[in-house]
C-alpha cells in the first residue's frame, strides 16, 4: 500500500476553517479527490496549528499523478485561504501489516516519526515483524507503520488509544516485560518526534 501524509500548518485560530475546507472538498462525490482518505487529525500536543491528512493509493504512479495535479492547482484540496503551508510525504506500508481498518479506534491518536541511520530500514522492518505478535496486546492499537519513499530515511507509525493513560500503561507493561520496543529497532533511530492528535469529524478513522 502506498500512502501520502500531508501536514497542513497554519495559525492556531485558522485550523477550524482549514478543516471545514478539507471536509467540503473530500465530500465532493461529483469531483472526487484522488486516492482513498484514511484519516485527518488535529494536533493537540506537539506542533500546534497543524492538521495531518493520510490517504492511500494503489501505486506510486497514482500518487505522483495526484501530487502533480495538486502542485499545479490554484486551490489544492479546496484550500481557498491564505497562510497555509503544505508538506506532502510519500510512504509505503510495512509489508508485514494489513491496511488500516476504518471506524472508531479509540479517539486519541499518536503519530510518531523516526529518522533512521543510513542503512537502518531493513533491520527496522525485521525488528518490527518479529515484535508485532508477541506484543499484540499493545500492537493491536497500531493503525499502520510506513517507510518513506522520499527525503531522509524514516518511518512513520500511527497508533490509536482510548486515552493517554491507556497508552502509558500499555507501554510501561510491555517495556517491563521486554516485549517492546522491537529488539534492534531503537538502535536504528537517529531522531524521533511524536504528536498526540484528535480525529476530525470527517475522518474515516475516529
N, C-alpha and C. Protein backbone atom coordinates (compact mmCIF):
# COMPACT_ATOMS: atom_id res chain seq x y z
N UNK A 1 0.84 -1.19 0.00
CA UNK A 1 0.00 0.00 0.00
C UNK A 1 0.88 1.25 0.00
N UNK A 2 0.53 2.20 -0.86
CA UNK A 2 1.25 3.46 -0.95
C UNK A 2 0.44 4.54 -0.24
N UNK A 3 1.13 5.37 0.53
CA UNK A 3 0.45 6.40 1.32
C UNK A 3 1.04 7.77 1.04
N UNK A 4 0.21 8.77 1.27
CA UNK A 4 0.69 10.15 1.30
C UNK A 4 0.21 10.79 2.60
N UNK A 5 1.15 11.33 3.35
CA UNK A 5 0.83 12.05 4.58
C UNK A 5 1.08 13.53 4.32
N UNK A 6 0.03 14.33 4.46
CA UNK A 6 0.14 15.77 4.22
C UNK A 6 -0.01 16.50 5.55
N UNK A 7 0.93 17.38 5.82
CA UNK A 7 0.88 18.24 7.00
C UNK A 7 0.48 19.64 6.55
N UNK A 8 -0.62 20.11 7.10
CA UNK A 8 -1.08 21.48 6.83
C UNK A 8 -0.77 22.31 8.07
N UNK A 9 -0.01 23.37 7.89
CA UNK A 9 0.33 24.24 9.01
C UNK A 9 -0.27 25.61 8.78
N UNK A 10 -0.91 26.14 9.81
CA UNK A 10 -1.49 27.48 9.75
C UNK A 10 -1.49 28.04 11.17
N UNK A 11 -2.03 29.25 11.34
CA UNK A 11 -2.12 29.77 12.70
C UNK A 11 -3.19 28.98 13.47
N UNK A 12 -3.07 28.96 14.77
CA UNK A 12 -3.93 28.12 15.60
C UNK A 12 -5.41 28.44 15.38
N UNK A 13 -5.74 29.71 15.25
CA UNK A 13 -7.14 30.10 15.07
C UNK A 13 -7.66 29.75 13.68
N UNK A 14 -6.76 29.46 12.75
CA UNK A 14 -7.18 29.15 11.39
C UNK A 14 -7.46 27.68 11.14
N UNK A 15 -7.19 26.82 12.12
CA UNK A 15 -7.36 25.39 11.92
C UNK A 15 -8.81 24.99 11.66
N UNK A 16 -9.81 25.51 12.40
CA UNK A 16 -11.19 25.12 12.11
C UNK A 16 -11.63 25.45 10.69
N UNK A 17 -11.26 26.63 10.19
CA UNK A 17 -11.63 27.00 8.82
C UNK A 17 -10.95 26.09 7.82
N UNK A 18 -9.70 25.76 8.05
CA UNK A 18 -8.98 24.84 7.17
C UNK A 18 -9.64 23.47 7.16
N UNK A 19 -10.04 23.00 8.32
CA UNK A 19 -10.70 21.70 8.42
C UNK A 19 -12.01 21.69 7.64
N UNK A 20 -12.78 22.76 7.73
CA UNK A 20 -14.05 22.83 7.01
C UNK A 20 -13.83 22.78 5.50
N UNK A 21 -12.79 23.45 5.02
CA UNK A 21 -12.50 23.43 3.58
C UNK A 21 -12.11 22.03 3.12
N UNK A 22 -11.31 21.35 3.90
CA UNK A 22 -10.93 19.99 3.55
C UNK A 22 -12.13 19.05 3.58
N UNK A 23 -12.99 19.22 4.57
CA UNK A 23 -14.19 18.39 4.65
C UNK A 23 -15.06 18.59 3.42
N UNK A 24 -15.24 19.84 3.02
CA UNK A 24 -16.05 20.12 1.83
C UNK A 24 -15.46 19.47 0.59
N UNK A 25 -14.15 19.59 0.44
CA UNK A 25 -13.50 19.04 -0.76
C UNK A 25 -13.58 17.52 -0.79
N UNK A 26 -13.35 16.87 0.32
CA UNK A 26 -13.36 15.41 0.34
C UNK A 26 -14.78 14.84 0.37
N UNK A 27 -15.77 15.69 0.54
CA UNK A 27 -17.17 15.25 0.49
C UNK A 27 -17.76 15.38 -0.91
N UNK A 28 -17.00 15.93 -1.84
CA UNK A 28 -17.48 16.17 -3.20
C UNK A 28 -17.45 14.86 -3.99
N UNK A 29 -18.61 14.25 -4.15
CA UNK A 29 -18.69 12.97 -4.86
C UNK A 29 -18.73 13.14 -6.38
N UNK A 30 -19.07 14.33 -6.85
CA UNK A 30 -19.12 14.57 -8.29
C UNK A 30 -17.72 14.78 -8.87
N UNK A 31 -16.82 15.34 -8.05
CA UNK A 31 -15.44 15.55 -8.47
C UNK A 31 -14.52 15.04 -7.36
N UNK A 32 -14.45 13.73 -7.20
CA UNK A 32 -13.74 13.17 -6.04
C UNK A 32 -12.24 13.44 -6.07
N UNK A 33 -11.68 13.54 -4.88
CA UNK A 33 -10.24 13.70 -4.72
C UNK A 33 -9.57 12.35 -5.00
N UNK A 34 -8.40 12.39 -5.62
CA UNK A 34 -7.67 11.16 -5.90
C UNK A 34 -7.25 10.47 -4.61
N UNK A 35 -7.13 9.16 -4.70
CA UNK A 35 -6.72 8.38 -3.54
C UNK A 35 -7.88 8.09 -2.61
N UNK A 36 -7.61 7.34 -1.57
CA UNK A 36 -8.61 6.97 -0.57
C UNK A 36 -8.25 7.64 0.75
N UNK A 37 -9.17 8.44 1.25
CA UNK A 37 -8.94 9.13 2.52
C UNK A 37 -8.95 8.12 3.66
N UNK A 38 -7.94 8.18 4.50
CA UNK A 38 -7.83 7.26 5.63
C UNK A 38 -8.07 7.97 6.95
N UNK A 39 -7.43 9.13 7.13
CA UNK A 39 -7.60 9.83 8.39
C UNK A 39 -7.20 11.28 8.30
N UNK A 40 -7.83 12.09 9.15
CA UNK A 40 -7.49 13.52 9.28
C UNK A 40 -7.46 13.83 10.77
N UNK A 41 -6.36 14.42 11.22
CA UNK A 41 -6.18 14.66 12.65
C UNK A 41 -5.72 16.08 12.93
N UNK A 42 -6.12 16.57 14.08
CA UNK A 42 -5.69 17.89 14.56
C UNK A 42 -4.73 17.69 15.73
N UNK A 43 -3.57 18.31 15.64
CA UNK A 43 -2.56 18.14 16.68
C UNK A 43 -2.99 18.83 17.97
N UNK A 44 -2.94 18.09 19.06
CA UNK A 44 -3.26 18.63 20.38
C UNK A 44 -2.00 18.84 21.21
N UNK A 45 -1.08 17.90 21.13
CA UNK A 45 0.21 18.02 21.80
C UNK A 45 1.29 17.74 20.76
N UNK A 46 2.16 18.71 20.57
CA UNK A 46 3.17 18.62 19.51
C UNK A 46 3.21 19.94 18.79
N UNK A 47 3.27 19.90 17.49
CA UNK A 47 3.28 21.12 16.69
C UNK A 47 1.85 21.62 16.50
N UNK A 48 1.49 22.68 17.20
CA UNK A 48 0.12 23.19 17.16
C UNK A 48 -0.14 23.92 15.84
N UNK A 49 -1.42 24.14 15.56
CA UNK A 49 -1.79 24.77 14.30
C UNK A 49 -1.58 23.85 13.12
N UNK A 50 -1.68 22.54 13.36
CA UNK A 50 -1.37 21.55 12.33
C UNK A 50 -2.51 20.57 12.15
N UNK A 51 -2.85 20.30 10.90
CA UNK A 51 -3.72 19.20 10.52
C UNK A 51 -2.89 18.19 9.75
N UNK A 52 -3.12 16.92 10.01
CA UNK A 52 -2.44 15.86 9.27
C UNK A 52 -3.48 15.03 8.53
N UNK A 53 -3.21 14.76 7.27
CA UNK A 53 -4.14 14.02 6.43
C UNK A 53 -3.41 12.85 5.79
N UNK A 54 -3.99 11.66 5.92
CA UNK A 54 -3.40 10.46 5.35
C UNK A 54 -4.36 9.89 4.31
N UNK A 55 -3.83 9.64 3.10
CA UNK A 55 -4.61 8.98 2.06
C UNK A 55 -3.75 7.90 1.41
N UNK A 56 -4.41 6.92 0.79
CA UNK A 56 -3.69 5.81 0.19
C UNK A 56 -3.91 5.78 -1.32
N UNK A 57 -2.98 5.13 -2.00
CA UNK A 57 -3.03 4.99 -3.45
C UNK A 57 -2.67 3.56 -3.83
N UNK A 58 -3.11 3.17 -5.01
CA UNK A 58 -2.85 1.81 -5.49
C UNK A 58 -1.42 1.62 -5.96
N UNK A 59 -0.76 2.72 -6.32
CA UNK A 59 0.60 2.63 -6.85
C UNK A 59 1.33 3.96 -6.67
N UNK A 60 2.65 3.93 -6.83
CA UNK A 60 3.42 5.16 -6.77
C UNK A 60 3.06 6.08 -7.93
N UNK A 61 2.78 5.51 -9.09
CA UNK A 61 2.40 6.33 -10.24
C UNK A 61 1.12 7.10 -9.96
N UNK A 62 0.15 6.45 -9.32
CA UNK A 62 -1.12 7.12 -8.99
C UNK A 62 -0.88 8.26 -8.00
N UNK A 63 0.00 8.03 -7.04
CA UNK A 63 0.32 9.09 -6.08
C UNK A 63 1.00 10.26 -6.77
N UNK A 64 1.97 9.98 -7.62
CA UNK A 64 2.69 11.06 -8.30
C UNK A 64 1.78 11.86 -9.22
N UNK A 65 0.84 11.19 -9.86
CA UNK A 65 -0.11 11.90 -10.72
C UNK A 65 -0.98 12.84 -9.88
N UNK A 66 -1.46 12.35 -8.74
CA UNK A 66 -2.28 13.18 -7.86
C UNK A 66 -1.47 14.34 -7.29
N UNK A 67 -0.23 14.09 -6.95
CA UNK A 67 0.61 15.15 -6.40
C UNK A 67 0.90 16.22 -7.45
N UNK A 68 1.11 15.80 -8.69
CA UNK A 68 1.37 16.76 -9.76
C UNK A 68 0.16 17.67 -9.96
N UNK A 69 -1.04 17.09 -9.94
CA UNK A 69 -2.25 17.90 -10.07
C UNK A 69 -2.39 18.85 -8.89
N UNK A 70 -2.05 18.38 -7.71
CA UNK A 70 -2.16 19.21 -6.51
C UNK A 70 -1.19 20.38 -6.58
N UNK A 71 0.02 20.14 -7.08
CA UNK A 71 1.02 21.20 -7.18
C UNK A 71 0.60 22.28 -8.17
N UNK A 72 -0.09 21.89 -9.23
CA UNK A 72 -0.49 22.84 -10.26
C UNK A 72 -1.77 23.60 -9.91
N UNK A 73 -2.53 23.09 -8.94
CA UNK A 73 -3.84 23.68 -8.62
C UNK A 73 -3.68 25.03 -7.91
N UNK A 74 -4.58 25.94 -8.23
CA UNK A 74 -4.61 27.24 -7.55
C UNK A 74 -5.13 27.09 -6.13
N UNK A 75 -6.06 26.19 -5.94
CA UNK A 75 -6.61 25.92 -4.61
C UNK A 75 -6.52 24.41 -4.34
N UNK A 76 -5.32 23.91 -4.05
CA UNK A 76 -5.16 22.47 -3.84
C UNK A 76 -6.01 21.95 -2.69
N UNK A 77 -6.72 20.84 -2.98
CA UNK A 77 -7.59 20.21 -1.98
C UNK A 77 -8.62 21.18 -1.43
N UNK A 78 -9.02 22.15 -2.24
CA UNK A 78 -10.08 23.08 -1.85
C UNK A 78 -9.67 24.16 -0.89
N UNK A 79 -8.37 24.34 -0.68
CA UNK A 79 -7.90 25.35 0.28
C UNK A 79 -7.93 26.73 -0.38
N UNK A 80 -8.84 27.56 0.09
CA UNK A 80 -9.06 28.88 -0.51
C UNK A 80 -8.70 30.01 0.44
N UNK A 81 -7.87 29.72 1.42
CA UNK A 81 -7.46 30.74 2.38
C UNK A 81 -5.95 30.89 2.31
N UNK A 82 -5.48 32.07 2.67
CA UNK A 82 -4.05 32.33 2.68
C UNK A 82 -3.42 31.85 3.99
N UNK A 83 -2.11 31.81 4.00
CA UNK A 83 -1.40 31.49 5.23
C UNK A 83 -1.39 30.02 5.59
N UNK A 84 -1.52 29.14 4.59
CA UNK A 84 -1.46 27.70 4.84
C UNK A 84 -0.22 27.12 4.16
N UNK A 85 0.55 26.35 4.90
CA UNK A 85 1.73 25.68 4.36
C UNK A 85 1.45 24.19 4.28
N UNK A 86 1.75 23.59 3.13
CA UNK A 86 1.52 22.16 2.92
C UNK A 86 2.85 21.44 2.74
N UNK A 87 2.97 20.30 3.38
CA UNK A 87 4.14 19.44 3.20
C UNK A 87 3.65 18.01 2.99
N UNK A 88 3.93 17.45 1.81
CA UNK A 88 3.46 16.10 1.47
C UNK A 88 4.62 15.12 1.49
N UNK A 89 4.39 13.95 2.08
CA UNK A 89 5.40 12.91 2.17
C UNK A 89 4.83 11.62 1.60
N UNK A 90 5.66 10.88 0.87
CA UNK A 90 5.24 9.61 0.27
C UNK A 90 5.80 8.44 1.09
N UNK A 91 4.95 7.44 1.33
CA UNK A 91 5.34 6.29 2.14
C UNK A 91 4.83 5.00 1.50
N UNK A 92 5.45 3.92 1.91
CA UNK A 92 4.94 2.58 1.60
C UNK A 92 4.73 1.85 2.91
N UNK A 93 3.62 1.11 3.01
CA UNK A 93 3.32 0.40 4.24
C UNK A 93 4.29 -0.75 4.49
N UNK A 94 4.53 -1.03 5.77
CA UNK A 94 5.36 -2.18 6.12
C UNK A 94 4.72 -3.44 5.52
N UNK A 95 5.50 -4.31 4.90
CA UNK A 95 4.93 -5.49 4.24
C UNK A 95 4.25 -6.46 5.21
N UNK A 96 4.59 -6.40 6.48
CA UNK A 96 4.01 -7.31 7.47
C UNK A 96 2.68 -6.82 8.03
N UNK A 97 2.21 -5.65 7.59
CA UNK A 97 0.99 -5.06 8.15
C UNK A 97 -0.14 -5.02 7.12
N UNK A 98 -1.36 -5.20 7.61
CA UNK A 98 -2.55 -5.08 6.77
C UNK A 98 -2.93 -3.61 6.65
N UNK A 99 -3.74 -3.25 5.63
CA UNK A 99 -4.22 -1.87 5.52
C UNK A 99 -5.05 -1.48 6.75
N UNK A 100 -5.11 -0.20 7.08
CA UNK A 100 -5.88 0.24 8.26
C UNK A 100 -7.35 -0.11 8.15
N UNK A 101 -7.96 -0.40 9.29
CA UNK A 101 -9.39 -0.64 9.38
C UNK A 101 -10.07 0.64 9.86
N UNK A 102 -11.12 1.07 9.13
CA UNK A 102 -11.78 2.32 9.45
C UNK A 102 -12.72 2.15 10.64
N UNK A 103 -13.21 3.29 11.14
CA UNK A 103 -14.18 3.29 12.21
C UNK A 103 -13.62 3.82 13.52
N UNK A 104 -14.35 3.55 14.60
CA UNK A 104 -13.94 4.02 15.93
C UNK A 104 -12.76 3.21 16.42
N UNK A 105 -11.66 3.89 16.70
CA UNK A 105 -10.45 3.19 17.14
C UNK A 105 -9.95 3.70 18.48
N UNK A 106 -10.72 4.53 19.15
CA UNK A 106 -10.33 4.99 20.47
C UNK A 106 -10.40 6.48 20.66
N UNK A 107 -10.06 7.24 19.64
CA UNK A 107 -10.23 8.68 19.72
C UNK A 107 -8.98 9.48 19.99
N UNK A 108 -7.95 8.87 20.58
CA UNK A 108 -6.68 9.55 20.80
C UNK A 108 -5.63 8.89 19.91
N UNK A 109 -5.02 9.69 19.06
CA UNK A 109 -4.04 9.15 18.11
C UNK A 109 -2.65 9.69 18.40
N UNK A 110 -1.68 8.82 18.24
CA UNK A 110 -0.29 9.23 18.34
C UNK A 110 0.38 8.97 16.99
N UNK A 111 1.04 9.99 16.46
CA UNK A 111 1.76 9.88 15.19
C UNK A 111 3.24 10.10 15.48
N UNK A 112 4.02 9.06 15.27
CA UNK A 112 5.44 9.08 15.61
C UNK A 112 6.28 8.94 14.34
N UNK A 113 7.29 9.78 14.21
CA UNK A 113 8.21 9.72 13.07
C UNK A 113 9.63 9.50 13.58
N UNK A 114 10.27 8.48 13.04
CA UNK A 114 11.65 8.17 13.41
C UNK A 114 12.55 8.36 12.19
N UNK A 115 13.49 9.26 12.27
CA UNK A 115 14.54 9.33 11.26
C UNK A 115 15.56 8.23 11.55
N UNK A 116 15.93 7.50 10.52
CA UNK A 116 16.79 6.34 10.69
C UNK A 116 18.22 6.62 10.27
N UNK A 117 19.12 5.89 10.87
CA UNK A 117 20.51 5.93 10.42
C UNK A 117 20.59 5.36 9.00
N UNK A 118 21.62 5.74 8.29
CA UNK A 118 21.82 5.21 6.95
C UNK A 118 21.91 3.68 6.99
N UNK A 119 21.10 3.03 6.15
CA UNK A 119 21.07 1.57 6.13
C UNK A 119 20.21 0.96 7.22
N UNK A 120 19.44 1.79 7.93
CA UNK A 120 18.69 1.29 9.07
C UNK A 120 17.31 0.76 8.78
N UNK A 121 16.83 0.88 7.54
CA UNK A 121 15.45 0.46 7.27
C UNK A 121 15.27 -1.05 7.35
N UNK A 122 16.13 -1.81 6.70
CA UNK A 122 15.95 -3.27 6.67
C UNK A 122 15.99 -3.87 8.07
N UNK A 123 16.94 -3.50 8.94
CA UNK A 123 16.89 -4.01 10.31
C UNK A 123 15.63 -3.59 11.06
N UNK A 124 15.12 -2.40 10.75
CA UNK A 124 13.89 -1.92 11.39
C UNK A 124 12.70 -2.77 10.96
N UNK A 125 12.58 -3.06 9.67
CA UNK A 125 11.49 -3.90 9.17
C UNK A 125 11.50 -5.27 9.83
N UNK A 126 12.68 -5.87 9.94
CA UNK A 126 12.79 -7.20 10.55
C UNK A 126 12.47 -7.15 12.03
N UNK A 127 12.92 -6.10 12.71
CA UNK A 127 12.65 -5.98 14.14
C UNK A 127 11.16 -5.86 14.42
N UNK A 128 10.48 -5.03 13.65
CA UNK A 128 9.04 -4.86 13.85
C UNK A 128 8.28 -6.14 13.52
N UNK A 129 8.65 -6.81 12.46
CA UNK A 129 7.95 -8.04 12.09
C UNK A 129 8.04 -9.08 13.21
N UNK A 130 9.19 -9.16 13.84
CA UNK A 130 9.38 -10.13 14.92
C UNK A 130 8.63 -9.74 16.19
N UNK A 131 8.42 -8.44 16.41
CA UNK A 131 7.85 -7.97 17.67
C UNK A 131 6.33 -7.86 17.66
N UNK A 132 5.72 -7.78 16.50
CA UNK A 132 4.29 -7.46 16.43
C UNK A 132 3.41 -8.47 17.16
N UNK A 133 3.60 -9.76 16.90
CA UNK A 133 2.72 -10.76 17.51
C UNK A 133 2.97 -10.93 19.00
N UNK A 134 4.21 -11.07 19.47
CA UNK A 134 4.41 -11.21 20.92
C UNK A 134 3.87 -10.03 21.73
N UNK A 135 3.86 -8.84 21.13
CA UNK A 135 3.38 -7.65 21.84
C UNK A 135 1.99 -7.25 21.39
N UNK A 136 1.16 -8.22 20.99
CA UNK A 136 -0.11 -7.91 20.34
C UNK A 136 -1.09 -7.15 21.24
N UNK A 137 -0.99 -7.29 22.56
CA UNK A 137 -1.86 -6.50 23.43
C UNK A 137 -1.61 -5.01 23.25
N UNK A 138 -0.40 -4.67 22.87
CA UNK A 138 -0.04 -3.28 22.58
C UNK A 138 -0.19 -2.97 21.09
N UNK A 139 0.32 -3.85 20.24
CA UNK A 139 0.36 -3.55 18.80
C UNK A 139 -1.01 -3.64 18.13
N UNK A 140 -2.01 -4.17 18.81
CA UNK A 140 -3.35 -4.12 18.21
C UNK A 140 -3.86 -2.69 18.13
N UNK A 141 -3.20 -1.78 18.82
CA UNK A 141 -3.53 -0.36 18.74
C UNK A 141 -2.80 0.34 17.60
N UNK A 142 -1.94 -0.39 16.90
CA UNK A 142 -1.20 0.18 15.78
C UNK A 142 -2.11 0.28 14.55
N UNK A 143 -2.24 1.48 14.01
CA UNK A 143 -3.04 1.68 12.80
C UNK A 143 -2.23 1.30 11.57
N UNK A 144 -1.04 1.81 11.46
CA UNK A 144 -0.15 1.47 10.36
C UNK A 144 1.27 1.90 10.70
N UNK A 145 2.21 1.35 9.98
CA UNK A 145 3.60 1.81 10.01
C UNK A 145 4.08 1.86 8.57
N UNK A 146 4.82 2.91 8.23
CA UNK A 146 5.18 3.18 6.85
C UNK A 146 6.64 3.61 6.78
N UNK A 147 7.28 3.31 5.66
CA UNK A 147 8.64 3.82 5.45
C UNK A 147 8.63 4.80 4.29
N UNK A 148 9.45 5.84 4.41
CA UNK A 148 9.43 6.95 3.45
C UNK A 148 10.01 6.53 2.11
N UNK A 149 9.41 7.07 1.04
CA UNK A 149 9.90 6.86 -0.32
C UNK A 149 10.65 8.07 -0.84
N UNK A 150 10.68 9.13 -0.06
CA UNK A 150 11.40 10.33 -0.48
C UNK A 150 12.03 10.98 0.75
N UNK A 151 12.99 11.85 0.52
CA UNK A 151 13.62 12.55 1.64
C UNK A 151 14.50 11.64 2.48
N UNK A 152 14.68 12.02 3.73
CA UNK A 152 15.54 11.26 4.64
C UNK A 152 14.94 9.89 4.93
N UNK A 153 15.78 8.87 5.17
CA UNK A 153 15.25 7.56 5.55
C UNK A 153 14.53 7.67 6.90
N UNK A 154 13.29 7.23 6.94
CA UNK A 154 12.49 7.39 8.14
C UNK A 154 11.27 6.49 8.08
N UNK A 155 10.67 6.28 9.22
CA UNK A 155 9.40 5.57 9.30
C UNK A 155 8.41 6.45 10.04
N UNK A 156 7.13 6.22 9.80
CA UNK A 156 6.06 6.96 10.48
C UNK A 156 5.01 5.95 10.89
N UNK A 157 4.70 5.87 12.18
CA UNK A 157 3.69 4.93 12.64
C UNK A 157 2.60 5.67 13.41
N UNK A 158 1.39 5.17 13.24
CA UNK A 158 0.19 5.81 13.79
C UNK A 158 -0.51 4.83 14.72
N UNK A 159 -0.83 5.31 15.91
CA UNK A 159 -1.45 4.48 16.94
C UNK A 159 -2.76 5.12 17.39
N UNK A 160 -3.68 4.28 17.88
CA UNK A 160 -4.95 4.77 18.42
C UNK A 160 -5.19 4.17 19.80
N UNK A 161 -5.60 5.02 20.74
CA UNK A 161 -5.86 4.59 22.11
C UNK A 161 -7.15 5.22 22.61
N UNK A 162 -7.67 4.64 23.69
CA UNK A 162 -8.84 5.23 24.34
C UNK A 162 -8.47 6.49 25.11
N UNK A 163 -7.26 6.51 25.65
CA UNK A 163 -6.83 7.63 26.48
C UNK A 163 -5.31 7.63 26.58
N UNK A 164 -4.78 8.74 27.07
CA UNK A 164 -3.34 8.82 27.30
C UNK A 164 -2.93 7.84 28.40
N UNK A 165 -3.79 7.67 29.39
CA UNK A 165 -3.48 6.72 30.46
C UNK A 165 -3.36 5.30 29.92
N UNK A 166 -4.29 4.90 29.05
CA UNK A 166 -4.21 3.56 28.46
C UNK A 166 -2.90 3.39 27.70
N UNK A 167 -2.55 4.39 26.93
CA UNK A 167 -1.32 4.34 26.15
C UNK A 167 -0.11 4.16 27.07
N UNK A 168 -0.06 4.96 28.13
CA UNK A 168 1.09 4.92 29.04
C UNK A 168 1.19 3.58 29.77
N UNK A 169 0.05 3.06 30.22
CA UNK A 169 0.05 1.78 30.94
C UNK A 169 0.53 0.65 30.03
N UNK A 170 0.03 0.61 28.81
CA UNK A 170 0.44 -0.44 27.87
C UNK A 170 1.93 -0.38 27.57
N UNK A 171 2.43 0.82 27.36
CA UNK A 171 3.85 0.96 27.08
C UNK A 171 4.70 0.54 28.28
N UNK A 172 4.29 0.94 29.47
CA UNK A 172 5.05 0.56 30.66
C UNK A 172 5.07 -0.95 30.85
N UNK A 173 3.92 -1.59 30.64
CA UNK A 173 3.84 -3.04 30.80
C UNK A 173 4.74 -3.76 29.81
N UNK A 174 4.70 -3.33 28.57
CA UNK A 174 5.46 -4.02 27.53
C UNK A 174 6.96 -3.71 27.61
N UNK A 175 7.30 -2.54 28.07
CA UNK A 175 8.71 -2.24 28.32
C UNK A 175 9.23 -3.11 29.47
N UNK A 176 8.42 -3.25 30.51
CA UNK A 176 8.85 -4.01 31.69
C UNK A 176 9.08 -5.48 31.38
N UNK A 177 8.28 -6.04 30.48
CA UNK A 177 8.41 -7.46 30.12
C UNK A 177 9.38 -7.69 28.98
N UNK A 178 9.90 -6.62 28.39
CA UNK A 178 10.85 -6.76 27.29
C UNK A 178 10.21 -7.05 25.95
N UNK A 179 8.88 -6.94 25.87
CA UNK A 179 8.19 -7.19 24.60
C UNK A 179 8.23 -5.99 23.67
N UNK A 180 8.54 -4.85 24.21
CA UNK A 180 8.61 -3.61 23.42
C UNK A 180 9.69 -2.72 24.02
N UNK A 181 10.42 -1.98 23.24
CA UNK A 181 10.34 -1.82 21.78
C UNK A 181 10.91 -3.01 21.04
N UNK A 182 10.73 -3.07 19.72
CA UNK A 182 11.26 -4.19 18.93
C UNK A 182 12.77 -4.33 19.12
N UNK A 183 13.21 -5.54 19.35
CA UNK A 183 14.63 -5.79 19.57
C UNK A 183 15.45 -5.41 18.34
N UNK A 184 16.35 -4.46 18.51
CA UNK A 184 17.17 -3.99 17.41
C UNK A 184 16.61 -2.79 16.67
N UNK A 185 15.40 -2.37 17.05
CA UNK A 185 14.78 -1.22 16.38
C UNK A 185 15.32 0.12 16.84
N UNK A 186 15.32 0.40 18.14
CA UNK A 186 15.78 1.72 18.61
C UNK A 186 17.20 2.05 18.20
N UNK A 187 18.03 1.02 18.00
CA UNK A 187 19.42 1.26 17.61
C UNK A 187 19.54 1.91 16.24
N UNK A 188 18.46 1.85 15.45
CA UNK A 188 18.50 2.43 14.10
C UNK A 188 18.00 3.87 14.07
N UNK A 189 17.48 4.37 15.19
CA UNK A 189 16.86 5.70 15.22
C UNK A 189 17.90 6.77 15.52
N UNK A 190 17.90 7.82 14.74
CA UNK A 190 18.83 8.93 14.98
C UNK A 190 18.09 10.17 15.47
N UNK A 191 16.79 10.26 15.20
CA UNK A 191 15.97 11.38 15.67
C UNK A 191 14.52 10.93 15.67
N UNK A 192 13.76 11.38 16.67
CA UNK A 192 12.36 10.97 16.78
C UNK A 192 11.50 12.14 17.23
N UNK A 193 10.26 12.15 16.73
CA UNK A 193 9.30 13.15 17.19
C UNK A 193 7.92 12.50 17.24
N UNK A 194 7.06 13.06 18.07
CA UNK A 194 5.74 12.48 18.28
C UNK A 194 4.71 13.58 18.47
N UNK A 195 3.49 13.32 17.99
CA UNK A 195 2.37 14.24 18.19
C UNK A 195 1.17 13.44 18.67
N UNK A 196 0.43 14.02 19.60
CA UNK A 196 -0.85 13.46 20.02
C UNK A 196 -1.96 14.27 19.35
N UNK A 197 -2.90 13.55 18.76
CA UNK A 197 -3.89 14.21 17.89
C UNK A 197 -5.28 13.67 18.16
N UNK A 198 -6.27 14.46 17.76
CA UNK A 198 -7.66 14.04 17.76
C UNK A 198 -8.17 14.02 16.33
N UNK A 199 -9.03 13.04 15.97
CA UNK A 199 -9.54 12.98 14.61
C UNK A 199 -10.58 14.07 14.34
N UNK A 200 -10.58 14.54 13.11
CA UNK A 200 -11.62 15.47 12.69
C UNK A 200 -12.93 14.70 12.45
N UNK A 201 -14.04 15.43 12.41
CA UNK A 201 -15.35 14.77 12.32
C UNK A 201 -15.52 13.97 11.03
N UNK A 202 -14.83 14.35 9.96
CA UNK A 202 -14.99 13.65 8.68
C UNK A 202 -13.90 12.61 8.45
N UNK A 203 -13.09 12.33 9.45
CA UNK A 203 -12.03 11.35 9.31
C UNK A 203 -12.60 9.94 9.31
N UNK A 204 -12.26 9.10 8.33
CA UNK A 204 -12.71 7.71 8.36
C UNK A 204 -12.20 6.95 9.59
N UNK A 205 -11.01 7.30 10.06
CA UNK A 205 -10.51 6.76 11.32
C UNK A 205 -10.89 7.72 12.44
N UNK A 206 -11.56 7.22 13.46
CA UNK A 206 -12.04 8.09 14.53
C UNK A 206 -11.66 7.51 15.89
